[in-house]
Amino acid sequence: MGKNSSKLSPEDLKDFKSCCHFTEKEITDFYANFHRAYPKGRMSSEQLQEMYAKLFPDGNADKFAENVFRVIDVDGDGTVDFREYLFSMSATLRGDPLEIFRRAFLLYDVDGDGFITEEEMSAIFQSYHRLRGGSGELDQSAKAIIKQFDKDKDQKLSFEEFIQCAQKIPKIVDQMISQRRASVATK
């Protein structure tokens, strides 16, 4: 797909439809909106931070948006293209529980090592709390959550342990996903 193409090719549309949970109409609408918002065909971390700042004017969105950007920017090139954006939206908005858990896990796994530490979980909780302007904090501490769900006692959560955690404490995932859904609703 051309990086700055203003029209979605039939081949790309077919490819996207086979890999995501959206209809052709939804994909073309997402594409038009994405290119209207980001005429160069790429979104920067700063642009995502600006969008979150508009959505949450009473909070500090920078750190949370930075973490969301890290998850969406799959190839790590410092920008989000339409493919990355679409697949993120698909997993978040229409993904099965495993896809949603995977996205949330990637958000919490700040250093990308395949585990969530107390420090990483705390950092995400804090960034979410600041995003919400001081509201929306989880009732439990990261330390207590890690202790409860760390079955192998290595002081971190694997993906499997995180799934158990997310099933018992849905708010761990729900609050993150609800922010993503809110950002889509305003586009």
Protein backbone atom coordinates (compact mmCIF):
# COMPACT_ATOMS: atom_id res chain seq x y z
CA MET A 1 0.00 0.00 0.00
CA GLY A 2 1.35 3.40 -0.88
CA LYS A 3 2.32 5.30 2.26
CA ASN A 4 0.63 8.51 1.14
CA SER A 5 -2.11 7.02 -1.01
CA SER A 6 -5.42 8.81 -0.63
CA LYS A 7 -7.44 5.86 -1.91
CA LEU A 8 -7.50 2.31 -0.65
CA SER A 9 -6.69 -0.20 -3.38
CA PRO A 10 -8.98 -3.21 -3.93
CA GLU A 11 -6.05 -5.52 -3.08
CA ASP A 12 -5.40 -3.74 0.22
CA LEU A 13 -9.10 -3.73 1.05
CA LYS A 14 -9.29 -7.48 0.44
CA ASP A 15 -6.14 -8.04 2.53
CA PHE A 16 -7.43 -5.92 5.41
CA LYS A 17 -10.85 -7.57 5.34
CA SER A 18 -9.26 -11.02 5.63
CA CYS A 19 -7.16 -9.98 8.64
CA CYS A 20 -9.51 -7.89 10.76
CA HIS A 21 -13.01 -7.88 12.19
CA PHE A 22 -14.47 -5.07 10.09
CA THR A 23 -16.66 -4.89 6.99
CA GLU A 24 -15.38 -3.34 3.76
CA LYS A 25 -17.46 -0.22 4.47
CA GLU A 26 -16.03 0.11 7.97
CA ILE A 27 -12.48 -0.33 6.64
CA THR A 28 -12.97 2.32 3.97
CA ASP A 29 -14.49 4.67 6.57
CA PHE A 30 -11.55 4.08 8.94
CA TYR A 31 -9.18 4.67 6.03
CA ALA A 32 -10.85 7.95 5.02
CA ASN A 33 -10.90 9.19 8.62
CA PHE A 34 -7.29 8.16 9.23
CA HIS A 35 -6.07 9.96 6.11
CA ARG A 36 -8.18 13.01 6.87
CA ALA A 37 -6.61 13.21 10.34
CA TYR A 38 -3.11 12.20 9.17
CA PRO A 39 -2.68 13.34 5.54
CA LYS A 40 0.86 11.93 5.37
CA GLY A 41 -0.53 8.47 6.12
CA ARG A 42 1.26 8.18 9.47
CA MET A 43 0.44 9.15 13.02
CA SER A 44 3.18 10.22 15.42
CA SER A 45 3.30 9.65 19.15
CA GLU A 46 2.80 13.39 19.63
CA GLN A 47 -0.35 13.32 17.52
CA LEU A 48 -1.77 10.49 19.60
CA GLN A 49 -0.91 12.43 22.76
CA GLU A 50 -2.75 15.47 21.35
CA MET A 51 -5.81 13.32 20.61
CA TYR A 52 -5.82 11.90 24.16
CA ALA A 53 -5.33 15.40 25.60
CA LYS A 54 -8.51 16.51 23.80
CA LEU A 55 -10.39 13.46 25.04
CA PHE A 56 -9.23 13.93 28.63
CA PRO A 57 -8.75 17.68 29.12
CA ASP A 58 -8.76 17.38 32.92
CA GLY A 59 -5.93 14.85 32.98
CA ASN A 60 -2.38 14.39 31.80
CA ALA A 61 -2.55 12.08 28.79
CA ASP A 62 1.10 12.08 27.74
CA LYS A 63 2.41 8.96 29.48
CA PHE A 64 -0.68 6.84 28.88
CA ALA A 65 -0.82 7.84 25.20
CA GLU A 66 2.90 7.07 24.91
CA ASN A 67 2.24 3.54 26.16
CA VAL A 68 -0.74 3.05 23.86
CA PHE A 69 1.39 4.26 20.96
CA ARG A 70 4.09 1.73 21.84
CA VAL A 71 1.53 -1.08 21.52
CA ILE A 72 0.10 0.17 18.21
CA ASP A 73 3.49 0.85 16.58
CA VAL A 74 4.13 -2.83 15.94
CA ASP A 75 7.16 -2.36 13.70
CA GLY A 76 8.71 0.13 16.12
CA ASP A 77 9.50 2.73 13.46
CA GLY A 78 8.17 5.62 15.56
CA THR A 79 4.99 6.13 13.51
CA VAL A 80 1.69 4.32 13.10
CA ASP A 81 0.54 3.61 9.58
CA PHE A 82 -3.01 2.67 8.60
CA ARG A 83 -2.36 -1.08 8.77
CA GLU A 84 -1.10 -0.84 12.37
CA TYR A 85 -3.97 1.45 13.29
CA LEU A 86 -6.63 -0.78 11.70
CA PHE A 87 -5.35 -3.97 13.29
CA SER A 88 -5.16 -2.30 16.68
CA MET A 89 -8.72 -1.02 16.33
CA SER A 90 -9.92 -4.42 15.18
CA ALA A 91 -8.37 -6.26 18.11
CA THR A 92 -9.55 -3.67 20.61
CA LEU A 93 -13.08 -3.10 19.37
CA ARG A 94 -14.02 -6.49 17.98
CA GLY A 95 -11.35 -8.89 19.08
CA ASP A 96 -12.05 -12.07 20.93
CA PRO A 97 -11.07 -12.17 24.61
CA LEU A 98 -7.63 -13.59 23.84
CA GLU A 99 -6.87 -10.71 21.43
CA ILE A 100 -8.05 -8.18 23.98
CA PHE A 101 -5.96 -9.79 26.74
CA ARG A 102 -2.94 -9.77 24.42
CA ARG A 103 -3.35 -6.04 23.70
CA ALA A 104 -3.72 -5.25 27.39
CA PHE A 105 -0.72 -7.43 28.22
CA LEU A 106 1.39 -5.55 25.68
CA LEU A 107 0.32 -2.28 27.26
CA TYR A 108 1.42 -3.40 30.72
CA ASP A 109 4.63 -5.07 29.48
CA VAL A 110 6.39 -1.74 29.09
CA ASP A 111 9.87 -3.12 28.37
CA GLY A 112 8.58 -5.80 25.98
CA ASP A 113 10.32 -8.71 27.72
CA GLY A 114 7.20 -10.90 27.85
CA PHE A 115 6.49 -10.31 31.56
CA ILE A 116 4.75 -7.68 33.68
CA THR A 117 6.58 -6.53 36.77
CA GLU A 118 5.16 -4.64 39.72
CA GLU A 119 6.94 -1.51 38.49
CA GLU A 120 5.45 -1.81 35.02
CA MET A 121 1.95 -2.41 36.34
CA SER A 122 2.33 0.51 38.75
CA ALA A 123 3.53 2.80 35.95
CA ILE A 124 0.48 1.95 33.83
CA PHE A 125 -1.86 2.43 36.80
CA GLN A 126 -0.28 5.82 37.49
CA SER A 127 -0.44 6.94 33.86
CA TYR A 128 -4.07 5.88 33.70
CA HIS A 129 -4.80 7.72 36.95
CA ARG A 130 -3.19 10.90 35.56
CA LEU A 131 -5.08 10.48 32.29
CA ARG A 132 -8.34 10.46 34.21
CA GLY A 133 -7.37 13.59 36.12
CA GLY A 134 -6.92 11.68 39.35
CA SER A 135 -9.95 9.38 39.01
CA GLY A 136 -10.31 5.84 37.77
CA GLU A 137 -7.67 4.23 39.95
CA LEU A 138 -7.84 0.51 40.64
CA ASP A 139 -8.73 -0.48 44.17
CA GLN A 140 -5.79 -2.86 44.45
CA SER A 141 -2.09 -2.12 44.30
CA ALA A 142 0.20 -3.56 41.67
CA LYS A 143 2.16 -5.30 44.43
CA ALA A 144 -0.94 -7.08 45.73
CA ILE A 145 -2.02 -8.08 42.22
CA ILE A 146 1.39 -9.48 41.32
CA LYS A 147 1.55 -11.37 44.61
CA GLN A 148 -1.92 -12.86 44.09
CA PHE A 149 -1.44 -14.04 40.49
CA ASP A 150 2.29 -14.83 40.33
CA LYS A 151 1.90 -18.61 40.48
CA ASP A 152 5.59 -19.42 39.91
CA LYS A 153 6.73 -16.78 42.43
CA ASP A 154 9.18 -15.05 40.06
CA GLN A 155 7.75 -11.63 41.01
CA LYS A 156 6.29 -10.95 37.58
CA LEU A 157 3.31 -12.04 35.51
CA SER A 158 3.61 -14.15 32.38
CA PHE A 159 0.89 -13.85 29.75
CA GLU A 160 -0.86 -16.91 31.17
CA GLU A 161 -0.77 -15.46 34.69
CA PHE A 162 -2.03 -12.14 33.33
CA ILE A 163 -5.01 -13.88 31.71
CA GLN A 164 -5.92 -15.36 35.10
CA CYS A 165 -5.56 -11.91 36.63
CA ALA A 166 -7.68 -10.22 33.96
CA GLN A 167 -10.40 -12.82 34.33
CA LYS A 168 -10.57 -12.29 38.10
CA ILE A 169 -10.10 -8.49 37.95
CA PRO A 170 -11.75 -7.40 34.68
CA LYS A 171 -11.07 -3.75 35.48
CA ILE A 172 -7.37 -4.43 34.69
CA VAL A 173 -8.33 -4.75 31.02
CA ASP A 174 -11.65 -2.91 30.86
CA GLN A 175 -10.30 0.49 31.85
CA MET A 176 -7.63 0.33 29.16
CA ILE A 177 -9.99 -0.85 26.44
CA SER A 178 -12.64 1.72 27.36
CA GLN A 179 -10.10 4.49 26.73
CA ARG A 180 -9.46 3.10 23.25
CA ARG A 181 -13.17 2.92 22.51
CA ALA A 182 -13.59 6.51 23.71
CA SER A 183 -10.90 7.67 21.30
CA VAL A 184 -12.70 6.00 18.39
CA ALA A 185 -16.06 7.49 19.30
CA THR A 186 -14.69 11.01 18.87
CA LYS A 187 -13.26 10.48 15.38
